[in-house]
């Protein structure tokens, strides 16, 4: 993020900076316990889920269900990451009534948007309430604009996508 002479390069620091610059948007949940929880799940996203990230590179426009099935079959870390994510999301959705993690769009949802794209791309199996969360997040205006922008790029690079021979 570049704001005048200020450059902020870490995702979590960018989120904090934006929340401070635009307090009226309530980018973090309003309650102290909910904000603490949201910050915790963002920190976990920021530092975890390496197996899923490594096995399933993010690509919004691809559909790679066979790769997802192999990753789940062959990589216990991917299974563990998916189980942790879906369990966390189920708990937050139940606690806050959905359709998003803290009831309404927050920084936590923005942090998980790339992971949601991985789940969609690789068609990883999720419980129905998590599938509903994924659809709600993808329909959120900012996320939808991000998806639409990515789809408009048509930026296929074979060396970055070892599982695809060409465009789907």
C-alpha atoms as a PDB file:
ATOM      1  CA  UNK A   1       0.000   0.000   0.000  1.00  0.00           C
ATOM      2  CA  UNK A   2       1.378   3.386  -0.962  1.00  0.00           C
ATOM      3  CA  UNK A   3      -0.199   6.440   0.662  1.00  0.00           C
ATOM      4  CA  UNK A   4       1.854   9.493  -0.173  1.00  0.00           C
ATOM      5  CA  UNK A   5       5.329   8.907   1.223  1.00  0.00           C
ATOM      6  CA  UNK A   6       4.172   5.993   3.359  1.00  0.00           C
ATOM      7  CA  UNK A   7       4.704   2.452   2.084  1.00  0.00           C
ATOM      8  CA  UNK A   8       3.097  -0.426   4.004  1.00  0.00           C
ATOM      9  CA  UNK A   9       3.932  -3.883   2.611  1.00  0.00           C
ATOM     10  CA  UNK A  10       2.587  -6.416   5.084  1.00  0.00           C
ATOM     11  CA  UNK A  11      -1.014  -7.560   4.634  1.00  0.00           C
ATOM     12  CA  UNK A  12      -1.936  -7.377   8.297  1.00  0.00           C
ATOM     13  CA  UNK A  13      -0.292  -3.968   8.670  1.00  0.00           C
ATOM     14  CA  UNK A  14      -2.193  -2.752   5.585  1.00  0.00           C
ATOM     15  CA  UNK A  15      -5.457  -3.973   7.117  1.00  0.00           C
ATOM     16  CA  UNK A  16      -4.738  -2.181  10.391  1.00  0.00           C
ATOM     17  CA  UNK A  17      -3.776   1.002   8.556  1.00  0.00           C
ATOM     18  CA  UNK A  18      -6.977   0.969   6.490  1.00  0.00           C
ATOM     19  CA  UNK A  19      -9.100   0.312   9.569  1.00  0.00           C
ATOM     20  CA  UNK A  20      -7.516   3.353  11.232  1.00  0.00           C
ATOM     21  CA  UNK A  21      -7.911   5.544   8.151  1.00  0.00           C
ATOM     22  CA  UNK A  22     -11.566   4.599   7.628  1.00  0.00           C
ATOM     23  CA  UNK A  23     -13.059   3.929  11.080  1.00  0.00           C
ATOM     24  CA  UNK A  24     -16.572   4.635   9.799  1.00  0.00           C
ATOM     25  CA  UNK A  25     -16.368   1.474   7.666  1.00  0.00           C
ATOM     26  CA  UNK A  26     -15.951  -0.766  10.737  1.00  0.00           C
ATOM     27  CA  UNK A  27     -13.506  -3.032   8.928  1.00  0.00           C
ATOM     28  CA  UNK A  28     -12.949  -4.909  12.177  1.00  0.00           C
ATOM     29  CA  UNK A  29     -15.936  -6.141  14.182  1.00  0.00           C
ATOM     30  CA  UNK A  30     -17.225  -3.528  16.633  1.00  0.00           C
ATOM     31  CA  UNK A  31     -17.037  -5.491  19.894  1.00  0.00           C
ATOM     32  CA  UNK A  32     -13.724  -5.885  21.692  1.00  0.00           C
ATOM     33  CA  UNK A  33     -13.935  -9.710  21.975  1.00  0.00           C
ATOM     34  CA  UNK A  34     -15.001 -10.033  18.325  1.00  0.00           C
ATOM     35  CA  UNK A  35     -12.168  -7.741  17.189  1.00  0.00           C
ATOM     36  CA  UNK A  36      -9.660  -9.796  19.164  1.00  0.00           C
ATOM     37  CA  UNK A  37     -11.017 -12.990  17.641  1.00  0.00           C
ATOM     38  CA  UNK A  38     -10.970 -11.506  14.134  1.00  0.00           C
ATOM     39  CA  UNK A  39      -7.377 -10.408  14.605  1.00  0.00           C
ATOM     40  CA  UNK A  40      -6.491 -13.900  15.823  1.00  0.00           C
ATOM     41  CA  UNK A  41      -8.005 -15.654  12.800  1.00  0.00           C
ATOM     42  CA  UNK A  42      -6.299 -13.159  10.484  1.00  0.00           C
ATOM     43  CA  UNK A  43      -2.962 -13.789  12.169  1.00  0.00           C
ATOM     44  CA  UNK A  44      -3.500 -17.516  11.797  1.00  0.00           C
ATOM     45  CA  UNK A  45      -4.318 -17.079   8.117  1.00  0.00           C
ATOM     46  CA  UNK A  46      -1.273 -14.876   7.739  1.00  0.00           C
ATOM     47  CA  UNK A  47       1.092 -17.487   9.178  1.00  0.00           C
ATOM     48  CA  UNK A  48      -0.522 -20.873   8.584  1.00  0.00           C
ATOM     49  CA  UNK A  49      -2.023 -23.242   6.036  1.00  0.00           C
ATOM     50  CA  UNK A  50       1.260 -23.778   4.204  1.00  0.00           C
ATOM     51  CA  UNK A  51       0.304 -27.236   2.955  1.00  0.00           C
ATOM     52  CA  UNK A  52      -2.862 -25.965   1.294  1.00  0.00           C
ATOM     53  CA  UNK A  53      -1.087 -22.945  -0.157  1.00  0.00           C
ATOM     54  CA  UNK A  54       1.735 -25.075  -1.529  1.00  0.00           C
ATOM     55  CA  UNK A  55      -0.430 -27.802  -3.042  1.00  0.00           C
ATOM     56  CA  UNK A  56      -3.134 -25.495  -4.368  1.00  0.00           C
ATOM     57  CA  UNK A  57      -1.732 -22.255  -5.788  1.00  0.00           C
ATOM     58  CA  UNK A  58      -4.366 -19.554  -6.078  1.00  0.00           C
ATOM     59  CA  UNK A  59      -5.852 -19.112  -9.527  1.00  0.00           C
ATOM     60  CA  UNK A  60      -9.289 -17.572  -9.750  1.00  0.00           C
ATOM     61  CA  UNK A  61     -10.030 -18.557 -13.332  1.00  0.00           C
ATOM     62  CA  UNK A  62      -8.878 -22.177 -13.274  1.00  0.00           C
ATOM     63  CA  UNK A  63     -10.909 -25.234 -12.344  1.00  0.00           C
ATOM     64  CA  UNK A  64      -8.658 -28.059 -11.149  1.00  0.00           C
ATOM     65  CA  UNK A  65     -10.783 -30.604  -9.275  1.00  0.00           C
ATOM     66  CA  UNK A  66      -8.478 -33.513 -10.167  1.00  0.00           C
ATOM     67  CA  UNK A  67      -5.511 -31.728  -8.628  1.00  0.00           C
ATOM     68  CA  UNK A  68      -7.559 -30.971  -5.524  1.00  0.00           C
ATOM     69  CA  UNK A  69      -8.607 -34.610  -5.208  1.00  0.00           C
ATOM     70  CA  UNK A  70      -4.980 -35.758  -5.484  1.00  0.00           C
ATOM     71  CA  UNK A  71      -3.804 -33.172  -2.955  1.00  0.00           C
ATOM     72  CA  UNK A  72      -6.433 -34.335  -0.474  1.00  0.00           C
ATOM     73  CA  UNK A  73      -5.630 -37.977  -1.092  1.00  0.00           C
ATOM     74  CA  UNK A  74      -1.853 -37.704  -0.972  1.00  0.00           C
ATOM     75  CA  UNK A  75      -1.072 -34.857   1.406  1.00  0.00           C
ATOM     76  CA  UNK A  76      -2.155 -35.137   5.028  1.00  0.00           C
ATOM     77  CA  UNK A  77      -1.209 -31.487   5.597  1.00  0.00           C
ATOM     78  CA  UNK A  78      -3.744 -30.358   3.010  1.00  0.00           C
ATOM     79  CA  UNK A  79      -6.436 -32.430   4.711  1.00  0.00           C
ATOM     80  CA  UNK A  80      -5.469 -30.965   8.091  1.00  0.00           C
ATOM     81  CA  UNK A  81      -5.465 -27.400   6.756  1.00  0.00           C
ATOM     82  CA  UNK A  82      -8.871 -27.847   5.154  1.00  0.00           C
ATOM     83  CA  UNK A  83     -10.261 -29.383   8.331  1.00  0.00           C
ATOM     84  CA  UNK A  84      -8.905 -26.502  10.441  1.00  0.00           C
ATOM     85  CA  UNK A  85     -10.316 -23.879   8.058  1.00  0.00           C
ATOM     86  CA  UNK A  86     -13.755 -25.412   7.771  1.00  0.00           C
ATOM     87  CA  UNK A  87     -13.968 -25.986  11.517  1.00  0.00           C
ATOM     88  CA  UNK A  88     -12.961 -22.394  12.241  1.00  0.00           C
ATOM     89  CA  UNK A  89     -15.418 -21.035   9.695  1.00  0.00           C
ATOM     90  CA  UNK A  90     -18.260 -23.241  10.948  1.00  0.00           C
ATOM     91  CA  UNK A  91     -17.702 -22.028  14.489  1.00  0.00           C
ATOM     92  CA  UNK A  92     -17.563 -18.348  13.524  1.00  0.00           C
ATOM     93  CA  UNK A  93     -20.612 -18.615  11.278  1.00  0.00           C
ATOM     94  CA  UNK A  94     -22.576 -20.313  14.058  1.00  0.00           C
ATOM     95  CA  UNK A  95     -21.481 -17.756  16.662  1.00  0.00           C
ATOM     96  CA  UNK A  96     -22.222 -14.713  14.519  1.00  0.00           C
ATOM     97  CA  UNK A  97     -25.152 -15.923  12.442  1.00  0.00           C
ATOM     98  CA  UNK A  98     -23.396 -15.570   9.070  1.00  0.00           C
ATOM     99  CA  UNK A  99     -23.517 -15.081   6.203  1.00  0.00           C
ATOM    100  CA  UNK A 100     -19.936 -13.879   6.736  1.00  0.00           C
ATOM    101  CA  UNK A 101     -17.522 -14.804   9.518  1.00  0.00           C
ATOM    102  CA  UNK A 102     -18.460 -11.979  11.865  1.00  0.00           C
ATOM    103  CA  UNK A 103     -21.948 -11.413  10.484  1.00  0.00           C
ATOM    104  CA  UNK A 104     -20.966  -8.706   8.029  1.00  0.00           C
ATOM    105  CA  UNK A 105     -17.938  -8.176   5.792  1.00  0.00           C
ATOM    106  CA  UNK A 106     -14.747  -7.594   7.753  1.00  0.00           C
ATOM    107  CA  UNK A 107     -11.008  -7.760   7.361  1.00  0.00           C
ATOM    108  CA  UNK A 108     -11.231 -11.417   8.408  1.00  0.00           C
ATOM    109  CA  UNK A 109     -13.286 -12.211   5.309  1.00  0.00           C
ATOM    110  CA  UNK A 110     -10.810 -10.311   3.130  1.00  0.00           C
ATOM    111  CA  UNK A 111      -7.964 -12.348   4.606  1.00  0.00           C
ATOM    112  CA  UNK A 112      -9.690 -15.604   3.754  1.00  0.00           C
ATOM    113  CA  UNK A 113     -10.748 -14.609   0.218  1.00  0.00           C
ATOM    114  CA  UNK A 114      -7.623 -16.128  -1.421  1.00  0.00           C
ATOM    115  CA  UNK A 115      -8.198 -19.375   0.470  1.00  0.00           C
ATOM    116  CA  UNK A 116     -11.830 -19.394  -0.613  1.00  0.00           C
ATOM    117  CA  UNK A 117     -10.603 -19.088  -4.209  1.00  0.00           C
ATOM    118  CA  UNK A 118      -8.339 -22.098  -3.678  1.00  0.00           C
ATOM    119  CA  UNK A 119     -11.247 -24.136  -2.361  1.00  0.00           C
ATOM    120  CA  UNK A 120     -13.302 -23.168  -5.415  1.00  0.00           C
ATOM    121  CA  UNK A 121     -10.516 -23.727  -7.940  1.00  0.00           C
ATOM    122  CA  UNK A 122      -9.613 -27.160  -6.612  1.00  0.00           C
ATOM    123  CA  UNK A 123     -13.222 -28.025  -5.706  1.00  0.00           C
ATOM    124  CA  UNK A 124     -12.231 -29.100  -2.229  1.00  0.00           C
ATOM    125  CA  UNK A 125     -15.178 -30.582  -0.318  1.00  0.00           C
ATOM    126  CA  UNK A 126     -16.678 -28.403   2.410  1.00  0.00           C
ATOM    127  CA  UNK A 127     -19.772 -28.675   4.613  1.00  0.00           C
ATOM    128  CA  UNK A 128     -22.947 -26.946   3.379  1.00  0.00           C
ATOM    129  CA  UNK A 129     -22.678 -23.967   5.741  1.00  0.00           C
ATOM    130  CA  UNK A 130     -19.104 -23.366   4.575  1.00  0.00           C
ATOM    131  CA  UNK A 131     -20.233 -23.610   0.942  1.00  0.00           C
ATOM    132  CA  UNK A 132     -22.817 -20.934   1.787  1.00  0.00           C
ATOM    133  CA  UNK A 133     -20.097 -18.773   3.313  1.00  0.00           C
ATOM    134  CA  UNK A 134     -17.966 -19.171   0.204  1.00  0.00           C
ATOM    135  CA  UNK A 135     -20.860 -18.065  -2.013  1.00  0.00           C
ATOM    136  CA  UNK A 136     -21.652 -15.105   0.254  1.00  0.00           C
ATOM    137  CA  UNK A 137     -18.036 -13.995   0.309  1.00  0.00           C
ATOM    138  CA  UNK A 138     -17.692 -14.291  -3.464  1.00  0.00           C
ATOM    139  CA  UNK A 139     -20.840 -12.176  -3.852  1.00  0.00           C
ATOM    140  CA  UNK A 140     -19.557  -9.391  -1.576  1.00  0.00           C
ATOM    141  CA  UNK A 141     -19.042  -6.304  -3.782  1.00  0.00           C
ATOM    142  CA  UNK A 142     -15.285  -5.913  -3.237  1.00  0.00           C
ATOM    143  CA  UNK A 143     -14.568  -9.608  -3.609  1.00  0.00           C
ATOM    144  CA  UNK A 144     -16.783  -9.850  -6.684  1.00  0.00           C
ATOM    145  CA  UNK A 145     -14.919  -6.915  -8.249  1.00  0.00           C
ATOM    146  CA  UNK A 146     -11.607  -8.644  -7.448  1.00  0.00           C
ATOM    147  CA  UNK A 147     -12.813 -11.881  -9.056  1.00  0.00           C
ATOM    148  CA  UNK A 148     -14.175 -10.055 -12.117  1.00  0.00           C
ATOM    149  CA  UNK A 149     -10.894  -8.160 -12.501  1.00  0.00           C
ATOM    150  CA  UNK A 150      -8.882 -11.358 -12.287  1.00  0.00           C
ATOM    151  CA  UNK A 151     -11.083 -13.057 -14.867  1.00  0.00           C
ATOM    152  CA  UNK A 152     -10.661 -10.102 -17.223  1.00  0.00           C
ATOM    153  CA  UNK A 153      -6.857 -10.333 -17.090  1.00  0.00           C
ATOM    154  CA  UNK A 154      -6.543 -13.546 -19.140  1.00  0.00           C
ATOM    155  CA  UNK A 155      -3.051 -13.913 -17.694  1.00  0.00           C
ATOM    156  CA  UNK A 156      -2.120 -17.576 -18.072  1.00  0.00           C
ATOM    157  CA  UNK A 157       1.504 -18.434 -17.359  1.00  0.00           C
ATOM    158  CA  UNK A 158       2.277 -22.085 -17.856  1.00  0.00           C
ATOM    159  CA  UNK A 159       5.375 -22.040 -15.660  1.00  0.00           C
ATOM    160  CA  UNK A 160       3.256 -20.827 -12.709  1.00  0.00           C
ATOM    161  CA  UNK A 161       0.609 -23.473 -13.233  1.00  0.00           C
ATOM    162  CA  UNK A 162       2.272 -26.873 -13.495  1.00  0.00           C
ATOM    163  CA  UNK A 163      -1.042 -28.766 -13.536  1.00  0.00           C
ATOM    164  CA  UNK A 164      -2.543 -27.135 -16.588  1.00  0.00           C
ATOM    165  CA  UNK A 165      -1.524 -27.579 -20.191  1.00  0.00           C
ATOM    166  CA  UNK A 166      -3.632 -24.675 -21.388  1.00  0.00           C
ATOM    167  CA  UNK A 167      -6.636 -22.578 -20.610  1.00  0.00           C
ATOM    168  CA  UNK A 168      -9.819 -24.260 -19.499  1.00  0.00           C
END
